[in-house]
Amino acid sequence: MEPGLHARSGVACADCHMPYMRDGASKVSDHWVRSPLLNINRACQVCHLFPKEEMAARVDRIQQRNFDLLQRAAKALMDQMDAIIAMQAAGVLHEDLAESLALQRALSGVWTLSRLKIR
């Protein structure tokens, strides 16, 4: 999979999920790995100069769009599996389904990996 916009821009995971904080005169990384939405001012607004509410709404829209796409992909995979099962029941030979089965197997893995990165 291709890295996201933040990674392509040189932003590390810790920059958002463990943003810097002040400890006296020192600037240290927060040692709690957590959602940037729990601290938008330190995690997001260092680079994104938008109000907190707008940042949260943007993230919600992006995450909802990704979730919706994943749901569509899951439905397409299930429809494909149902079609394969129907073809098998109709007597189509396994070797004739090999390409479809290989695609289904590969895409199921991609879908599973995508689910692990969401939310």
N, C-alpha and C. Protein backbone atom coordinates (compact mmCIF):
# COMPACT_ATOMS: atom_id res chain seq x y z
N MET A 1 0.82 -1.18 0.00
CA MET A 1 0.00 0.00 0.00
C MET A 1 0.87 1.25 0.00
N GLU A 2 0.35 2.28 -0.56
CA GLU A 2 1.04 3.56 -0.65
C GLU A 2 0.93 4.32 0.68
N PRO A 3 2.02 4.96 1.11
CA PRO A 3 1.93 5.74 2.36
C PRO A 3 0.99 6.93 2.20
N GLY A 4 0.43 7.36 3.31
CA GLY A 4 -0.50 8.48 3.30
C GLY A 4 0.20 9.82 3.11
N LEU A 5 -0.61 10.85 3.01
CA LEU A 5 -0.12 12.21 2.76
C LEU A 5 0.87 12.67 3.83
N HIS A 6 0.55 12.39 5.09
CA HIS A 6 1.45 12.83 6.16
C HIS A 6 2.82 12.16 6.04
N ALA A 7 2.85 10.86 5.81
CA ALA A 7 4.13 10.15 5.68
C ALA A 7 4.91 10.65 4.46
N ARG A 8 4.21 10.89 3.36
CA ARG A 8 4.87 11.40 2.15
C ARG A 8 5.43 12.80 2.39
N SER A 9 4.87 13.52 3.34
CA SER A 9 5.33 14.88 3.66
C SER A 9 6.40 14.89 4.74
N GLY A 10 6.85 13.71 5.16
CA GLY A 10 7.91 13.63 6.15
C GLY A 10 7.46 13.67 7.60
N VAL A 11 6.16 13.52 7.82
CA VAL A 11 5.63 13.53 9.19
C VAL A 11 5.68 12.09 9.73
N ALA A 12 6.27 11.91 10.89
CA ALA A 12 6.34 10.59 11.54
C ALA A 12 5.09 10.35 12.37
N CYS A 13 4.79 9.10 12.63
CA CYS A 13 3.62 8.74 13.44
C CYS A 13 3.64 9.49 14.78
N ALA A 14 4.81 9.54 15.41
CA ALA A 14 4.93 10.18 16.73
C ALA A 14 4.62 11.67 16.68
N ASP A 15 4.83 12.31 15.53
CA ASP A 15 4.55 13.74 15.44
C ASP A 15 3.10 14.06 15.78
N CYS A 16 2.19 13.17 15.42
CA CYS A 16 0.76 13.39 15.68
C CYS A 16 0.25 12.58 16.88
N HIS A 17 0.75 11.35 16.99
CA HIS A 17 0.24 10.46 18.04
C HIS A 17 0.99 10.61 19.37
N MET A 18 2.13 11.29 19.35
CA MET A 18 2.91 11.58 20.57
C MET A 18 3.49 12.99 20.44
N PRO A 19 2.63 14.01 20.31
CA PRO A 19 3.14 15.36 20.02
C PRO A 19 4.02 15.91 21.15
N TYR A 20 4.83 16.89 20.77
CA TYR A 20 5.71 17.53 21.75
C TYR A 20 4.91 18.29 22.81
N MET A 21 5.52 18.35 23.99
CA MET A 21 4.94 19.12 25.10
C MET A 21 6.09 19.75 25.86
N ARG A 22 5.77 20.70 26.68
CA ARG A 22 6.79 21.37 27.51
C ARG A 22 6.84 20.70 28.88
N ASP A 23 8.05 20.46 29.34
CA ASP A 23 8.28 19.96 30.69
C ASP A 23 9.31 20.90 31.29
N GLY A 24 8.80 21.95 31.92
CA GLY A 24 9.69 23.01 32.39
C GLY A 24 10.24 23.74 31.18
N ALA A 25 11.55 23.83 31.08
CA ALA A 25 12.18 24.50 29.93
C ALA A 25 12.44 23.53 28.78
N SER A 26 12.16 22.26 29.00
CA SER A 26 12.44 21.24 27.97
C SER A 26 11.23 20.96 27.09
N LYS A 27 11.51 20.65 25.85
CA LYS A 27 10.48 20.23 24.90
C LYS A 27 10.65 18.72 24.73
N VAL A 28 9.66 17.96 25.16
CA VAL A 28 9.75 16.50 25.10
C VAL A 28 8.53 15.93 24.38
N SER A 29 8.70 14.73 23.86
CA SER A 29 7.60 14.03 23.21
C SER A 29 6.67 13.46 24.28
N ASP A 30 5.39 13.63 24.07
CA ASP A 30 4.39 13.03 24.96
C ASP A 30 4.56 11.51 24.85
N HIS A 31 4.65 10.80 25.93
CA HIS A 31 4.89 9.37 25.89
C HIS A 31 3.62 8.53 25.96
N TRP A 32 2.49 9.14 25.66
CA TRP A 32 1.23 8.42 25.56
C TRP A 32 0.85 8.36 24.08
N VAL A 33 0.86 7.16 23.50
CA VAL A 33 0.45 7.00 22.11
C VAL A 33 -1.07 6.98 22.09
N ARG A 34 -1.66 7.99 21.44
CA ARG A 34 -3.13 8.05 21.41
C ARG A 34 -3.61 8.85 20.20
N SER A 35 -4.89 8.90 20.07
CA SER A 35 -5.49 9.58 18.93
C SER A 35 -5.14 11.07 18.94
N PRO A 36 -4.72 11.60 17.80
CA PRO A 36 -4.46 13.04 17.72
C PRO A 36 -5.70 13.87 18.04
N LEU A 37 -6.88 13.30 17.86
CA LEU A 37 -8.11 14.04 18.13
C LEU A 37 -8.29 14.36 19.61
N LEU A 38 -7.54 13.68 20.46
CA LEU A 38 -7.63 13.96 21.89
C LEU A 38 -6.84 15.21 22.28
N ASN A 39 -6.00 15.69 21.36
CA ASN A 39 -5.20 16.88 21.63
C ASN A 39 -4.91 17.60 20.31
N ILE A 40 -5.94 18.08 19.68
CA ILE A 40 -5.84 18.68 18.35
C ILE A 40 -4.87 19.86 18.33
N ASN A 41 -4.87 20.64 19.38
CA ASN A 41 -3.99 21.83 19.35
C ASN A 41 -2.51 21.46 19.26
N ARG A 42 -2.06 20.42 19.95
CA ARG A 42 -0.64 20.02 19.87
C ARG A 42 -0.37 19.05 18.74
N ALA A 43 -1.36 18.21 18.40
CA ALA A 43 -1.13 17.18 17.39
C ALA A 43 -1.37 17.67 15.96
N CYS A 44 -2.32 18.55 15.77
CA CYS A 44 -2.71 18.95 14.41
C CYS A 44 -2.41 20.42 14.09
N GLN A 45 -2.73 21.27 15.04
CA GLN A 45 -2.68 22.70 14.75
C GLN A 45 -1.26 23.27 14.69
N VAL A 46 -0.27 22.46 14.94
CA VAL A 46 1.11 22.90 14.75
C VAL A 46 1.34 23.15 13.25
N CYS A 47 0.72 22.32 12.41
CA CYS A 47 0.86 22.45 10.95
C CYS A 47 -0.41 22.98 10.29
N HIS A 48 -1.56 22.52 10.77
CA HIS A 48 -2.85 22.89 10.18
C HIS A 48 -3.46 24.06 10.95
N LEU A 49 -3.53 25.19 10.31
CA LEU A 49 -3.99 26.41 10.99
C LEU A 49 -5.49 26.61 10.80
N PHE A 50 -6.26 25.65 11.30
CA PHE A 50 -7.72 25.69 11.24
C PHE A 50 -8.26 25.56 12.66
N PRO A 51 -9.46 26.05 12.92
CA PRO A 51 -10.04 25.88 14.26
C PRO A 51 -10.19 24.40 14.62
N LYS A 52 -10.14 24.13 15.91
CA LYS A 52 -10.22 22.77 16.43
C LYS A 52 -11.45 22.03 15.88
N GLU A 53 -12.60 22.70 15.89
CA GLU A 53 -13.85 22.06 15.44
C GLU A 53 -13.77 21.69 13.96
N GLU A 54 -13.15 22.56 13.17
CA GLU A 54 -13.01 22.27 11.73
C GLU A 54 -12.07 21.08 11.52
N MET A 55 -10.99 21.03 12.28
CA MET A 55 -10.06 19.89 12.16
C MET A 55 -10.77 18.59 12.50
N ALA A 56 -11.52 18.58 13.60
CA ALA A 56 -12.24 17.37 14.00
C ALA A 56 -13.25 16.97 12.93
N ALA A 57 -13.95 17.95 12.36
CA ALA A 57 -14.94 17.65 11.31
C ALA A 57 -14.25 17.10 10.06
N ARG A 58 -13.10 17.65 9.71
CA ARG A 58 -12.35 17.13 8.54
C ARG A 58 -11.96 15.68 8.76
N VAL A 59 -11.43 15.38 9.92
CA VAL A 59 -11.01 14.01 10.22
C VAL A 59 -12.22 13.08 10.18
N ASP A 60 -13.33 13.51 10.77
CA ASP A 60 -14.54 12.68 10.75
C ASP A 60 -14.98 12.39 9.33
N ARG A 61 -14.96 13.40 8.45
CA ARG A 61 -15.36 13.20 7.05
C ARG A 61 -14.43 12.21 6.35
N ILE A 62 -13.14 12.38 6.56
CA ILE A 62 -12.16 11.49 5.92
C ILE A 62 -12.33 10.06 6.42
N GLN A 63 -12.45 9.90 7.73
CA GLN A 63 -12.61 8.56 8.28
C GLN A 63 -13.92 7.92 7.85
N GLN A 64 -14.98 8.71 7.76
CA GLN A 64 -16.27 8.17 7.31
C GLN A 64 -16.18 7.73 5.86
N ARG A 65 -15.52 8.54 5.02
CA ARG A 65 -15.35 8.18 3.61
C ARG A 65 -14.56 6.88 3.49
N ASN A 66 -13.47 6.75 4.25
CA ASN A 66 -12.68 5.51 4.23
C ASN A 66 -13.49 4.32 4.71
N PHE A 67 -14.24 4.51 5.78
CA PHE A 67 -15.08 3.44 6.31
C PHE A 67 -16.11 3.00 5.26
N ASP A 68 -16.75 3.97 4.62
CA ASP A 68 -17.75 3.66 3.59
C ASP A 68 -17.12 2.89 2.42
N LEU A 69 -15.92 3.30 2.01
CA LEU A 69 -15.23 2.59 0.93
C LEU A 69 -14.89 1.16 1.34
N LEU A 70 -14.45 0.99 2.57
CA LEU A 70 -14.15 -0.35 3.05
C LEU A 70 -15.40 -1.23 3.09
N GLN A 71 -16.53 -0.64 3.46
CA GLN A 71 -17.78 -1.40 3.47
C GLN A 71 -18.18 -1.82 2.06
N ARG A 72 -18.00 -0.90 1.09
CA ARG A 72 -18.30 -1.24 -0.31
C ARG A 72 -17.38 -2.35 -0.79
N ALA A 73 -16.10 -2.27 -0.43
CA ALA A 73 -15.15 -3.30 -0.83
C ALA A 73 -15.52 -4.65 -0.22
N ALA A 74 -15.91 -4.63 1.04
CA ALA A 74 -16.31 -5.88 1.71
C ALA A 74 -17.52 -6.49 1.01
N LYS A 75 -18.49 -5.66 0.65
CA LYS A 75 -19.67 -6.17 -0.05
C LYS A 75 -19.29 -6.75 -1.40
N ALA A 76 -18.40 -6.07 -2.13
CA ALA A 76 -17.97 -6.57 -3.43
C ALA A 76 -17.25 -7.91 -3.28
N LEU A 77 -16.42 -8.06 -2.24
CA LEU A 77 -15.74 -9.33 -2.00
C LEU A 77 -16.74 -10.44 -1.68
N MET A 78 -17.75 -10.12 -0.88
CA MET A 78 -18.76 -11.13 -0.55
C MET A 78 -19.58 -11.50 -1.78
N ASP A 79 -19.91 -10.51 -2.60
CA ASP A 79 -20.64 -10.79 -3.85
C ASP A 79 -19.81 -11.69 -4.76
N GLN A 80 -18.51 -11.41 -4.82
CA GLN A 80 -17.63 -12.23 -5.63
C GLN A 80 -17.58 -13.66 -5.09
N MET A 81 -17.49 -13.80 -3.78
CA MET A 81 -17.45 -15.14 -3.17
C MET A 81 -18.76 -15.88 -3.43
N ASP A 82 -19.89 -15.18 -3.31
CA ASP A 82 -21.20 -15.79 -3.61
C ASP A 82 -21.26 -16.27 -5.05
N ALA A 83 -20.70 -15.48 -5.98
CA ALA A 83 -20.69 -15.87 -7.39
C ALA A 83 -19.82 -17.09 -7.61
N ILE A 84 -18.68 -17.15 -6.94
CA ILE A 84 -17.79 -18.31 -7.05
C ILE A 84 -18.50 -19.56 -6.53
N ILE A 85 -19.15 -19.44 -5.38
CA ILE A 85 -19.87 -20.57 -4.80
C ILE A 85 -20.99 -21.03 -5.74
N ALA A 86 -21.70 -20.07 -6.33
CA ALA A 86 -22.78 -20.42 -7.27
C ALA A 86 -22.21 -21.14 -8.49
N MET A 87 -21.07 -20.67 -8.99
CA MET A 87 -20.45 -21.33 -10.15
C MET A 87 -19.98 -22.74 -9.79
N GLN A 88 -19.44 -22.91 -8.60
CA GLN A 88 -19.02 -24.24 -8.16
C GLN A 88 -20.23 -25.17 -8.08
N ALA A 89 -21.33 -24.65 -7.52
CA ALA A 89 -22.55 -25.46 -7.40
C ALA A 89 -23.11 -25.82 -8.78
N ALA A 90 -22.86 -24.96 -9.76
CA ALA A 90 -23.34 -25.22 -11.13
C ALA A 90 -22.41 -26.16 -11.88
N GLY A 91 -21.30 -26.58 -11.22
CA GLY A 91 -20.42 -27.55 -11.84
C GLY A 91 -19.21 -26.98 -12.56
N VAL A 92 -18.97 -25.68 -12.42
CA VAL A 92 -17.77 -25.09 -13.04
C VAL A 92 -16.54 -25.69 -12.36
N LEU A 93 -15.57 -26.10 -13.14
CA LEU A 93 -14.38 -26.75 -12.61
C LEU A 93 -13.49 -25.78 -11.85
N HIS A 94 -12.81 -26.31 -10.85
CA HIS A 94 -11.93 -25.51 -10.00
C HIS A 94 -10.88 -24.77 -10.84
N GLU A 95 -10.29 -25.47 -11.82
CA GLU A 95 -9.25 -24.81 -12.63
C GLU A 95 -9.81 -23.66 -13.45
N ASP A 96 -11.10 -23.71 -13.78
CA ASP A 96 -11.73 -22.60 -14.50
C ASP A 96 -12.02 -21.40 -13.58
N LEU A 97 -12.03 -21.66 -12.28
CA LEU A 97 -12.26 -20.60 -11.30
C LEU A 97 -10.96 -20.10 -10.67
N ALA A 98 -9.84 -20.66 -11.10
CA ALA A 98 -8.55 -20.36 -10.45
C ALA A 98 -8.25 -18.87 -10.42
N GLU A 99 -8.45 -18.17 -11.54
CA GLU A 99 -8.14 -16.74 -11.57
C GLU A 99 -9.05 -15.97 -10.62
N SER A 100 -10.32 -16.29 -10.63
CA SER A 100 -11.28 -15.61 -9.75
C SER A 100 -10.96 -15.89 -8.28
N LEU A 101 -10.62 -17.13 -7.98
CA LEU A 101 -10.26 -17.49 -6.60
C LEU A 101 -8.98 -16.78 -6.15
N ALA A 102 -8.00 -16.68 -7.05
CA ALA A 102 -6.75 -16.00 -6.71
C ALA A 102 -7.00 -14.51 -6.45
N LEU A 103 -7.82 -13.88 -7.27
CA LEU A 103 -8.15 -12.47 -7.04
C LEU A 103 -8.89 -12.28 -5.72
N GLN A 104 -9.83 -13.17 -5.45
CA GLN A 104 -10.60 -13.07 -4.21
C GLN A 104 -9.68 -13.21 -3.01
N ARG A 105 -8.76 -14.15 -3.06
CA ARG A 105 -7.82 -14.37 -1.96
C ARG A 105 -6.92 -13.14 -1.77
N ALA A 106 -6.39 -12.61 -2.86
CA ALA A 106 -5.50 -11.46 -2.78
C ALA A 106 -6.24 -10.23 -2.27
N LEU A 107 -7.41 -9.97 -2.79
CA LEU A 107 -8.17 -8.79 -2.37
C LEU A 107 -8.67 -8.91 -0.93
N SER A 108 -8.95 -10.12 -0.48
CA SER A 108 -9.34 -10.30 0.93
C SER A 108 -8.20 -9.89 1.85
N GLY A 109 -6.97 -10.21 1.46
CA GLY A 109 -5.80 -9.82 2.26
C GLY A 109 -5.63 -8.32 2.30
N VAL A 110 -5.80 -7.66 1.16
CA VAL A 110 -5.70 -6.19 1.11
C VAL A 110 -6.77 -5.56 1.97
N TRP A 111 -8.00 -6.07 1.89
CA TRP A 111 -9.11 -5.54 2.68
C TRP A 111 -8.81 -5.69 4.17
N THR A 112 -8.29 -6.85 4.57
CA THR A 112 -7.97 -7.09 5.98
C THR A 112 -6.90 -6.12 6.47
N LEU A 113 -5.84 -5.93 5.68
CA LEU A 113 -4.79 -4.98 6.07
C LEU A 113 -5.34 -3.57 6.16
N SER A 114 -6.24 -3.19 5.25
CA SER A 114 -6.83 -1.85 5.29
C SER A 114 -7.64 -1.65 6.56
N ARG A 115 -8.36 -2.66 6.98
CA ARG A 115 -9.18 -2.58 8.19
C ARG A 115 -8.32 -2.32 9.42
N LEU A 116 -7.13 -2.88 9.44
CA LEU A 116 -6.26 -2.70 10.59
C LEU A 116 -5.79 -1.26 10.74
N LYS A 117 -5.77 -0.50 9.64
CA LYS A 117 -5.25 0.87 9.67
C LYS A 117 -6.33 1.91 9.88
N ILE A 118 -7.56 1.51 9.90
CA ILE A 118 -8.66 2.48 9.98
C ILE A 118 -9.01 2.73 11.45
N ARG A 119 -9.34 3.93 11.78
CA ARG A 119 -9.83 4.40 13.09
C ARG A 119 -8.88 4.12 14.19
